C-alpha atoms as a PDB file:
ATOM      1  CA  MET A   1     -49.824 -16.071 -31.556  1.00  0.00           C
ATOM      2  CA  GLU A   2     -47.355 -14.033 -33.600  1.00  0.00           C
ATOM      3  CA  GLN A   3     -44.309 -15.907 -34.892  1.00  0.00           C
ATOM      4  CA  GLN A   4     -41.008 -14.190 -34.159  1.00  0.00           C
ATOM      5  CA  THR A   5     -38.788 -13.821 -37.197  1.00  0.00           C
ATOM      6  CA  VAL A   6     -35.536 -12.197 -38.204  1.00  0.00           C
ATOM      7  CA  ASP A   7     -34.576 -10.661 -41.528  1.00  0.00           C
ATOM      8  CA  SER A   8     -32.454 -13.522 -42.851  1.00  0.00           C
ATOM      9  CA  GLN A   9     -31.658 -11.558 -46.019  1.00  0.00           C
ATOM     10  CA  LYS A  10     -30.208  -8.718 -43.902  1.00  0.00           C
ATOM     11  CA  ILE A  11     -28.149 -11.259 -41.913  1.00  0.00           C
ATOM     12  CA  ALA A  12     -26.807 -12.716 -45.178  1.00  0.00           C
ATOM     13  CA  GLU A  13     -26.108  -9.224 -46.607  1.00  0.00           C
ATOM     14  CA  ASN A  14     -24.185  -8.377 -43.440  1.00  0.00           C
ATOM     15  CA  GLY A  15     -21.913 -11.339 -44.209  1.00  0.00           C
ATOM     16  CA  TRP A  16     -22.819 -13.714 -41.395  1.00  0.00           C
ATOM     17  CA  LYS A  17     -22.099 -17.393 -41.976  1.00  0.00           C
ATOM     18  CA  GLN A  18     -20.376 -20.283 -40.258  1.00  0.00           C
ATOM     19  CA  GLY A  19     -16.771 -19.253 -39.585  1.00  0.00           C
ATOM     20  CA  ALA A  20     -17.446 -15.501 -39.568  1.00  0.00           C
ATOM     21  CA  CYS A  21     -15.726 -13.620 -36.745  1.00  0.00           C
ATOM     22  CA  LEU A  22     -17.514 -11.415 -34.244  1.00  0.00           C
ATOM     23  CA  SER A  23     -15.464  -8.753 -32.493  1.00  0.00           C
ATOM     24  CA  VAL A  24     -16.825  -7.579 -29.137  1.00  0.00           C
ATOM     25  CA  ASP A  25     -15.435  -4.590 -27.236  1.00  0.00           C
ATOM     26  CA  LYS A  26     -16.446  -3.094 -23.897  1.00  0.00           C
ATOM     27  CA  SER A  27     -19.017  -0.828 -25.557  1.00  0.00           C
ATOM     28  CA  THR A  28     -20.756  -3.727 -27.343  1.00  0.00           C
ATOM     29  CA  ALA A  29     -23.795  -4.979 -25.456  1.00  0.00           C
ATOM     30  CA  ILE A  30     -24.431  -8.611 -26.350  1.00  0.00           C
ATOM     31  CA  GLN A  31     -26.143 -10.929 -23.924  1.00  0.00           C
ATOM     32  CA  THR A  32     -25.368 -14.634 -23.884  1.00  0.00           C
ATOM     33  CA  VAL A  33     -28.374 -16.914 -23.703  1.00  0.00           C
ATOM     34  CA  THR A  34     -28.674 -20.152 -21.766  1.00  0.00           C
ATOM     35  CA  GLN A  35     -31.603 -21.918 -20.195  1.00  0.00           C
ATOM     36  CA  CYS A  36     -30.468 -20.804 -16.737  1.00  0.00           C
ATOM     37  CA  MET A  37     -29.221 -17.252 -17.118  1.00  0.00           C
ATOM     38  CA  GLN A  38     -28.140 -14.334 -19.245  1.00  0.00           C
ATOM     39  CA  GLU A  39     -24.850 -12.506 -18.913  1.00  0.00           C
ATOM     40  CA  GLN A  40     -22.781 -10.015 -20.860  1.00  0.00           C
ATOM     41  CA  LEU A  41     -20.611 -11.569 -23.567  1.00  0.00           C
ATOM     42  CA  PRO A  42     -17.010 -10.791 -22.550  1.00  0.00           C
ATOM     43  CA  PRO A  43     -14.949  -8.546 -24.863  1.00  0.00           C
ATOM     44  CA  GLY A  44     -12.900 -10.444 -27.436  1.00  0.00           C
ATOM     45  CA  MET A  45     -13.068 -12.270 -30.748  1.00  0.00           C
ATOM     46  CA  TYR A  46     -15.604 -15.008 -31.441  1.00  0.00           C
ATOM     47  CA  ILE A  47     -16.111 -17.396 -34.361  1.00  0.00           C
ATOM     48  CA  VAL A  48     -19.594 -18.481 -35.464  1.00  0.00           C
ATOM     49  CA  LEU A  49     -19.968 -22.256 -35.052  1.00  0.00           C
ATOM     50  CA  SER A  50     -23.625 -22.584 -36.092  1.00  0.00           C
ATOM     51  CA  GLN A  51     -24.272 -23.948 -39.573  1.00  0.00           C
ATOM     52  CA  ASP A  52     -25.253 -21.507 -42.325  1.00  0.00           C
ATOM     53  CA  CYS A  53     -28.822 -22.844 -42.500  1.00  0.00           C
ATOM     54  CA  ASP A  54     -29.238 -22.065 -38.780  1.00  0.00           C
ATOM     55  CA  VAL A  55     -27.581 -18.641 -39.002  1.00  0.00           C
ATOM     56  CA  LEU A  56     -29.822 -17.643 -41.919  1.00  0.00           C
ATOM     57  CA  SER A  57     -33.087 -19.188 -40.722  1.00  0.00           C
ATOM     58  CA  PHE A  58     -35.979 -16.704 -40.665  1.00  0.00           C
ATOM     59  CA  SER A  59     -37.577 -18.322 -37.603  1.00  0.00           C
ATOM     60  CA  LEU A  60     -36.463 -17.222 -34.160  1.00  0.00           C
ATOM     61  CA  ALA A  61     -38.699 -19.887 -32.643  1.00  0.00           C
ATOM     62  CA  LYS A  62     -36.784 -22.672 -34.419  1.00  0.00           C
ATOM     63  CA  GLU A  63     -33.319 -21.095 -34.269  1.00  0.00           C
ATOM     64  CA  PRO A  64     -33.255 -18.435 -31.536  1.00  0.00           C
ATOM     65  CA  VAL A  65     -29.485 -18.354 -31.028  1.00  0.00           C
ATOM     66  CA  VAL A  66     -26.188 -18.600 -32.837  1.00  0.00           C
ATOM     67  CA  GLU A  67     -23.358 -20.558 -31.220  1.00  0.00           C
ATOM     68  CA  VAL A  68     -19.956 -18.856 -31.071  1.00  0.00           C
ATOM     69  CA  ILE A  69     -16.578 -19.865 -29.685  1.00  0.00           C
ATOM     70  CA  ALA A  70     -14.099 -17.467 -28.093  1.00  0.00           C
ATOM     71  CA  ALA A  71     -10.897 -17.016 -30.096  1.00  0.00           C
ATOM     72  CA  ASN A  72      -7.723 -15.402 -28.812  1.00  0.00           C
ATOM     73  CA  GLN A  73      -5.548 -13.599 -31.328  1.00  0.00           C
ATOM     74  CA  ILE A  74      -1.981 -14.903 -31.341  1.00  0.00           C
ATOM     75  CA  GLN A  75       1.049 -13.900 -33.390  1.00  0.00           C
ATOM     76  CA  GLN A  76       2.674 -17.314 -33.780  1.00  0.00           C
ATOM     77  CA  ASP A  77       1.163 -20.634 -34.766  1.00  0.00           C
ATOM     78  CA  MET A  78       2.452 -23.659 -32.879  1.00  0.00           C
ATOM     79  CA  PRO A  79       2.596 -26.763 -35.116  1.00  0.00           C
ATOM     80  CA  GLU A  80       1.629 -29.054 -32.229  1.00  0.00           C
ATOM     81  CA  LEU A  81      -1.635 -27.089 -31.829  1.00  0.00           C
ATOM     82  CA  ASN A  82      -2.769 -26.874 -35.450  1.00  0.00           C
ATOM     83  CA  ALA A  83      -4.388 -29.413 -37.765  1.00  0.00           C
ATOM     84  CA  GLY A  84      -6.368 -30.896 -34.874  1.00  0.00           C
ATOM     85  CA  LYS A  85      -3.345 -32.479 -33.208  1.00  0.00           C
ATOM     86  CA  ASN A  86      -4.441 -31.394 -29.734  1.00  0.00           C
ATOM     87  CA  PRO A  87      -8.022 -32.008 -28.490  1.00  0.00           C
ATOM     88  CA  ARG A  88      -7.835 -29.227 -25.865  1.00  0.00           C
ATOM     89  CA  GLN A  89      -6.623 -26.314 -27.984  1.00  0.00           C
ATOM     90  CA  LEU A  90      -6.681 -25.501 -31.685  1.00  0.00           C
ATOM     91  CA  HIS A  91      -4.738 -22.868 -33.604  1.00  0.00           C
ATOM     92  CA  LEU A  92      -6.465 -21.542 -36.718  1.00  0.00           C
ATOM     93  CA  ASP A  93      -5.000 -19.723 -39.708  1.00  0.00           C
ATOM     94  CA  THR A  94      -6.533 -16.431 -40.777  1.00  0.00           C
ATOM     95  CA  CYS A  95      -6.385 -14.733 -44.162  1.00  0.00           C
ATOM     96  CA  GLU A  96      -4.003 -12.176 -42.631  1.00  0.00           C
ATOM     97  CA  SER A  97      -0.293 -13.006 -42.461  1.00  0.00           C
ATOM     98  CA  ASN A  98       1.125 -13.415 -38.955  1.00  0.00           C
ATOM     99  CA  LEU A  99      -2.309 -13.504 -37.308  1.00  0.00           C
ATOM    100  CA  PHE A 100      -3.654 -16.747 -35.909  1.00  0.00           C
ATOM    101  CA  LEU A 101      -6.549 -17.561 -33.611  1.00  0.00           C
ATOM    102  CA  SER A 102      -6.450 -19.964 -30.690  1.00  0.00           C
ATOM    103  CA  VAL A 103      -9.655 -21.641 -29.485  1.00  0.00           C
ATOM    104  CA  LEU A 104     -10.482 -23.848 -26.524  1.00  0.00           C
ATOM    105  CA  PRO A 105     -13.469 -26.199 -26.996  1.00  0.00           C
ATOM    106  CA  ASN A 106     -15.205 -25.245 -23.740  1.00  0.00           C
ATOM    107  CA  ASN A 107     -15.301 -21.473 -24.433  1.00  0.00           C
ATOM    108  CA  ARG A 108     -18.583 -21.554 -26.346  1.00  0.00           C
ATOM    109  CA  TYR A 109     -21.494 -19.160 -25.982  1.00  0.00           C
ATOM    110  CA  PHE A 110     -24.971 -18.705 -27.420  1.00  0.00           C
ATOM    111  CA  VAL A 111     -26.164 -15.261 -28.493  1.00  0.00           C
ATOM    112  CA  ASN A 112     -29.520 -14.121 -29.838  1.00  0.00           C
ATOM    113  CA  ARG A 113     -29.518 -14.226 -33.648  1.00  0.00           C
ATOM    114  CA  ILE A 114     -31.371 -10.918 -33.843  1.00  0.00           C
ATOM    115  CA  TYR A 115     -28.033  -9.236 -33.059  1.00  0.00           C
ATOM    116  CA  LEU A 116     -26.741 -10.360 -36.484  1.00  0.00           C
ATOM    117  CA  GLU A 117     -29.239  -8.048 -38.205  1.00  0.00           C
ATOM    118  CA  GLU A 118     -27.566  -5.029 -36.618  1.00  0.00           C
ATOM    119  CA  CYS A 119     -23.837  -5.586 -37.167  1.00  0.00           C
ATOM    120  CA  LYS A 120     -21.278  -6.974 -39.567  1.00  0.00           C
ATOM    121  CA  PRO A 121     -18.564  -9.560 -38.960  1.00  0.00           C
ATOM    122  CA  SER A 122     -15.007  -8.569 -38.146  1.00  0.00           C
ATOM    123  CA  SER A 123     -12.571  -8.103 -41.024  1.00  0.00           C
ATOM    124  CA  VAL A 124     -10.598 -11.044 -39.599  1.00  0.00           C
ATOM    125  CA  GLU A 125     -11.407 -14.184 -41.572  1.00  0.00           C
ATOM    126  CA  ILE A 126     -10.303 -17.737 -40.934  1.00  0.00           C
ATOM    127  CA  THR A 127      -9.152 -19.792 -43.907  1.00  0.00           C
ATOM    128  CA  SER A 128     -11.411 -22.457 -45.400  1.00  0.00           C
ATOM    129  CA  ARG A 129      -8.954 -25.113 -44.159  1.00  0.00           C
ATOM    130  CA  SER A 130      -9.237 -23.741 -40.621  1.00  0.00           C
ATOM    131  CA  LEU A 131     -13.033 -23.684 -40.861  1.00  0.00           C
ATOM    132  CA  LYS A 132     -13.037 -27.374 -41.832  1.00  0.00           C
ATOM    133  CA  LEU A 133     -10.816 -28.169 -38.835  1.00  0.00           C
ATOM    134  CA  LEU A 134     -13.037 -26.166 -36.511  1.00  0.00           C
ATOM    135  CA  ILE A 135     -16.201 -27.869 -37.731  1.00  0.00           C
END
């Protein structure tokens, strides 16, 4: 039986890691993966939640998917929704001024890691402080 692998070096060279942002538009074909079904990942921004060791694993058998969370771009941060003050919604700082991301904990998806070999993350980056809050 042949073991399925991915090119973890290519994934690393593309810049994928925990906290990287994935931008999906209508022309991007990414299927979500669950035990019950597959469906098209809706257009939008997503943040990688999976740990770096999982994202960069060579084995698809051990780590077939990467977990992402949907993130809505917002123009204004609300203090009551940052720093983990609200368990239902979190506002995250990005490295761009006047651009914040809002995430809801139940908007998580799993996508096949093989996709990460073929594309690069969005230019939008969350700050290291925001990544710590998200984790």
